[in-house]
Amino acid sequence: MKKRITIAIVTSAIAGTMMVTPAFAANTESAHTDLSLYIANDPVYTVTVPETVSLDAKEHTQVPITASDVQYIPEGKKISVTFQKGNGTYGRLYMVGDKMNGSKPYMMTLNIKGTSGDFKSGALEKQIKGMELAAFTEDGTVNYEMYPCSQDYPQYEGQEGSNLAIQKSVHYSAYVDYGIALEDIQ
């Protein structure tokens, strides 16, 4: 019995030291705590890309991307539209011709300029996969630019059989898939 009383006293003493009490509390009759709860709306937006684009063989082509109905974008975030993939290999974007150049179809590399301001073709240090093409924090339209690399090699213009020249009566085609996500503004 003595053992139980001793355990009860020790337990009470330990429990008493665990109680939360202010160290230097003033004599007050009341206290106050403000509480809040806020859940932000989910971001809402519509991004529109053109279904088809006809490139110009001699001039750069402007490709519009539009963001509309933009609401509830969190502070410090943006809607980022990126080049996700195209029909080229090794990170490049090729237009493929409908006629053959020997045993292979005619091909034409495209150069693209997004928000970085630099034209890139996808070769090694100029990768285009993941390249940001447009960014929005509100409604608007942004154009990114593209052009066939033949514009960089005018000396090959009209040269039959060259993949550095656009060939007459060859229909070239390609596709672009976009990535659209909320990203941090840097």
Protein backbone atom coordinates (compact mmCIF):
# COMPACT_ATOMS: atom_id res chain seq x y z
CA MET A 1 0.00 0.00 0.00
CA LYS A 2 2.85 2.34 0.88
CA LYS A 3 4.35 1.64 -2.53
CA ARG A 4 1.09 2.67 -4.27
CA ILE A 5 0.85 5.91 -2.35
CA THR A 6 4.47 6.76 -3.17
CA ILE A 7 3.88 6.05 -6.88
CA ALA A 8 0.71 8.19 -6.81
CA ILE A 9 2.56 11.10 -5.19
CA VAL A 10 5.50 10.89 -7.62
CA THR A 11 3.11 10.62 -10.60
CA SER A 12 1.15 13.66 -9.38
CA ALA A 13 4.36 15.65 -8.93
CA ILE A 14 5.58 14.78 -12.46
CA ALA A 15 2.17 15.57 -13.99
CA GLY A 16 2.09 18.89 -12.16
CA THR A 17 5.40 19.94 -13.70
CA MET A 18 4.10 19.13 -17.19
CA MET A 19 1.18 21.53 -17.01
CA VAL A 20 1.50 24.56 -19.27
CA THR A 21 1.72 27.71 -17.21
CA PRO A 22 3.16 31.04 -18.20
CA ALA A 23 6.49 31.76 -16.51
CA PHE A 24 5.81 35.45 -15.86
CA ALA A 25 2.06 35.80 -16.36
CA ALA A 26 0.38 39.05 -15.44
CA ASN A 27 -2.91 38.88 -13.67
CA THR A 28 -5.43 38.99 -16.56
CA GLU A 29 -9.09 38.22 -16.75
CA SER A 30 -9.20 37.24 -20.44
CA ALA A 31 -7.09 36.42 -23.52
CA HIS A 32 -7.65 36.57 -27.27
CA THR A 33 -6.54 34.50 -30.30
CA ASP A 34 -7.46 35.35 -33.92
CA LEU A 35 -8.15 32.34 -36.09
CA SER A 36 -8.36 32.20 -39.88
CA LEU A 37 -8.87 29.67 -42.63
CA TYR A 38 -8.48 30.32 -46.36
CA ILE A 39 -8.46 27.97 -49.30
CA ALA A 40 -7.57 29.68 -52.58
CA ASN A 41 -9.55 29.01 -55.73
CA ASP A 42 -8.00 26.62 -58.19
CA PRO A 43 -6.36 28.40 -61.14
CA VAL A 44 -8.58 28.70 -64.21
CA TYR A 45 -7.37 29.42 -67.74
CA THR A 46 -7.76 28.42 -71.37
CA VAL A 47 -4.74 28.22 -73.66
CA THR A 48 -5.38 28.19 -77.41
CA VAL A 49 -2.80 27.15 -80.01
CA PRO A 50 -3.42 27.18 -83.75
CA GLU A 51 -4.62 23.95 -85.30
CA THR A 52 -2.52 24.53 -88.42
CA VAL A 53 0.23 26.95 -89.42
CA SER A 54 1.57 27.51 -92.93
CA LEU A 55 5.23 28.48 -92.81
CA ASP A 56 6.73 31.03 -95.14
CA ALA A 57 9.79 29.85 -97.08
CA LYS A 58 11.33 33.36 -97.15
CA GLU A 59 10.17 35.06 -93.92
CA HIS A 60 9.91 34.13 -90.25
CA THR A 61 6.47 32.89 -89.26
CA GLN A 62 4.71 34.21 -86.17
CA VAL A 63 2.77 31.49 -84.31
CA PRO A 64 0.17 32.90 -81.89
CA ILE A 65 -0.63 31.36 -78.51
CA THR A 66 -3.54 32.86 -76.57
CA ALA A 67 -4.46 32.65 -72.89
CA SER A 68 -8.02 33.59 -71.98
CA ASP A 69 -10.33 33.36 -68.98
CA VAL A 70 -7.23 33.62 -66.75
CA GLN A 71 -8.24 33.70 -63.08
CA TYR A 72 -6.80 32.81 -59.68
CA ILE A 73 -3.17 32.40 -60.78
CA PRO A 74 -1.20 32.25 -57.50
CA GLU A 75 1.28 35.05 -56.83
CA GLY A 76 4.73 34.17 -58.17
CA LYS A 77 3.32 31.72 -60.75
CA LYS A 78 2.77 31.91 -64.52
CA ILE A 79 1.12 29.80 -67.18
CA SER A 80 4.03 28.38 -69.17
CA VAL A 81 3.58 26.95 -72.67
CA THR A 82 6.54 24.85 -73.77
CA PHE A 83 7.70 22.83 -76.77
CA GLN A 84 7.05 19.30 -75.54
CA LYS A 85 7.88 17.35 -78.69
CA GLY A 86 7.69 17.31 -82.45
CA ASN A 87 8.32 14.79 -85.18
CA GLY A 88 12.10 15.30 -85.22
CA THR A 89 14.67 13.12 -83.52
CA TYR A 90 17.39 14.02 -81.00
CA GLY A 91 15.44 17.08 -79.82
CA ARG A 92 15.13 18.63 -83.27
CA LEU A 93 12.03 19.55 -85.20
CA TYR A 94 12.07 18.46 -88.84
CA MET A 95 9.62 19.04 -91.61
CA VAL A 96 9.43 15.88 -93.71
CA GLY A 97 8.76 16.10 -97.45
CA ASP A 98 6.30 13.97 -99.35
CA LYS A 99 8.88 13.19 -102.05
CA MET A 100 12.09 11.22 -101.84
CA ASN A 101 15.65 12.50 -102.01
CA GLY A 102 17.23 9.26 -103.13
CA SER A 103 16.20 6.63 -100.59
CA LYS A 104 15.09 9.14 -97.91
CA PRO A 105 12.39 11.80 -97.87
CA TYR A 106 13.36 15.45 -98.15
CA MET A 107 13.74 17.03 -94.71
CA MET A 108 13.99 20.59 -93.40
CA THR A 109 15.03 21.57 -89.86
CA LEU A 110 13.04 24.34 -88.20
CA ASN A 111 14.49 27.04 -85.97
CA ILE A 112 12.31 28.26 -83.09
CA LYS A 113 12.47 31.35 -80.86
CA GLY A 114 10.51 31.41 -77.61
CA THR A 115 10.65 33.58 -74.52
CA SER A 116 14.45 33.34 -74.21
CA GLY A 117 14.82 35.43 -77.36
CA ASP A 118 17.29 33.03 -79.01
CA PHE A 119 16.60 30.90 -82.06
CA LYS A 120 17.26 27.22 -81.45
CA SER A 121 17.12 24.19 -83.73
CA GLY A 122 17.51 21.37 -81.23
CA ALA A 123 21.12 20.53 -81.98
CA LEU A 124 23.12 19.64 -78.86
CA GLU A 125 23.58 22.94 -76.99
CA LYS A 126 20.47 24.45 -78.53
CA GLN A 127 17.88 21.96 -77.30
CA ILE A 128 14.26 22.89 -77.88
CA LYS A 129 12.53 20.18 -75.83
CA GLY A 130 11.04 21.96 -72.83
CA MET A 131 11.76 25.38 -74.37
CA GLU A 132 9.27 28.01 -73.17
CA LEU A 133 7.38 29.46 -76.11
CA ALA A 134 4.96 31.74 -74.23
CA ALA A 135 4.15 32.76 -70.66
CA PHE A 136 1.06 34.41 -69.18
CA THR A 137 -0.15 35.85 -65.88
CA GLU A 138 -3.28 37.35 -67.46
CA ASP A 139 -5.32 37.19 -70.67
CA GLY A 140 -3.29 37.87 -73.80
CA THR A 141 -1.66 36.62 -76.98
CA VAL A 142 2.05 35.92 -77.46
CA ASN A 143 3.72 34.96 -80.73
CA TYR A 144 6.68 32.65 -80.94
CA GLU A 145 8.72 32.55 -84.13
CA MET A 146 9.85 29.76 -86.37
CA TYR A 147 11.47 29.46 -89.76
CA PRO A 148 13.02 26.77 -91.97
CA CYS A 149 16.81 26.61 -91.68
CA SER A 150 17.04 27.07 -95.46
CA GLN A 151 16.81 30.80 -94.71
CA ASP A 152 20.23 30.50 -93.07
CA TYR A 153 21.70 29.01 -96.28
CA PRO A 154 20.64 31.20 -99.20
CA GLN A 155 23.54 29.87 -101.26
CA TYR A 156 21.68 26.55 -101.61
CA GLU A 157 18.41 28.09 -102.83
CA GLY A 158 17.20 26.30 -105.93
CA GLN A 159 19.82 23.55 -105.58
CA GLU A 160 18.00 20.34 -106.39
CA GLY A 161 18.54 17.45 -103.99
CA SER A 162 19.80 19.60 -101.09
CA ASN A 163 18.20 19.36 -97.65
CA LEU A 164 19.47 22.89 -97.05
CA ALA A 165 17.06 24.25 -99.68
CA ILE A 166 13.29 24.08 -99.87
CA GLN A 167 12.52 21.90 -102.88
CA LYS A 168 9.83 23.01 -105.32
CA SER A 169 6.73 20.81 -105.56
CA VAL A 170 7.60 19.02 -102.30
CA HIS A 171 4.96 19.30 -99.57
CA TYR A 172 6.69 19.47 -96.17
CA SER A 173 4.87 18.71 -92.93
CA ALA A 174 5.58 18.46 -89.21
CA TYR A 175 3.78 18.71 -85.89
CA VAL A 176 4.36 20.32 -82.51
CA ASP A 177 3.00 19.11 -79.16
CA TYR A 178 2.88 21.64 -76.34
CA GLY A 179 3.28 21.35 -72.60
CA ILE A 180 1.08 23.67 -70.53
CA ALA A 181 1.63 24.08 -66.78
CA LEU A 182 1.83 26.55 -63.91
CA GLU A 183 5.48 27.35 -63.23
CA ASP A 184 7.38 29.67 -60.89
CA ILE A 185 8.16 33.13 -62.23
CA GLN A 186 11.94 33.49 -62.20
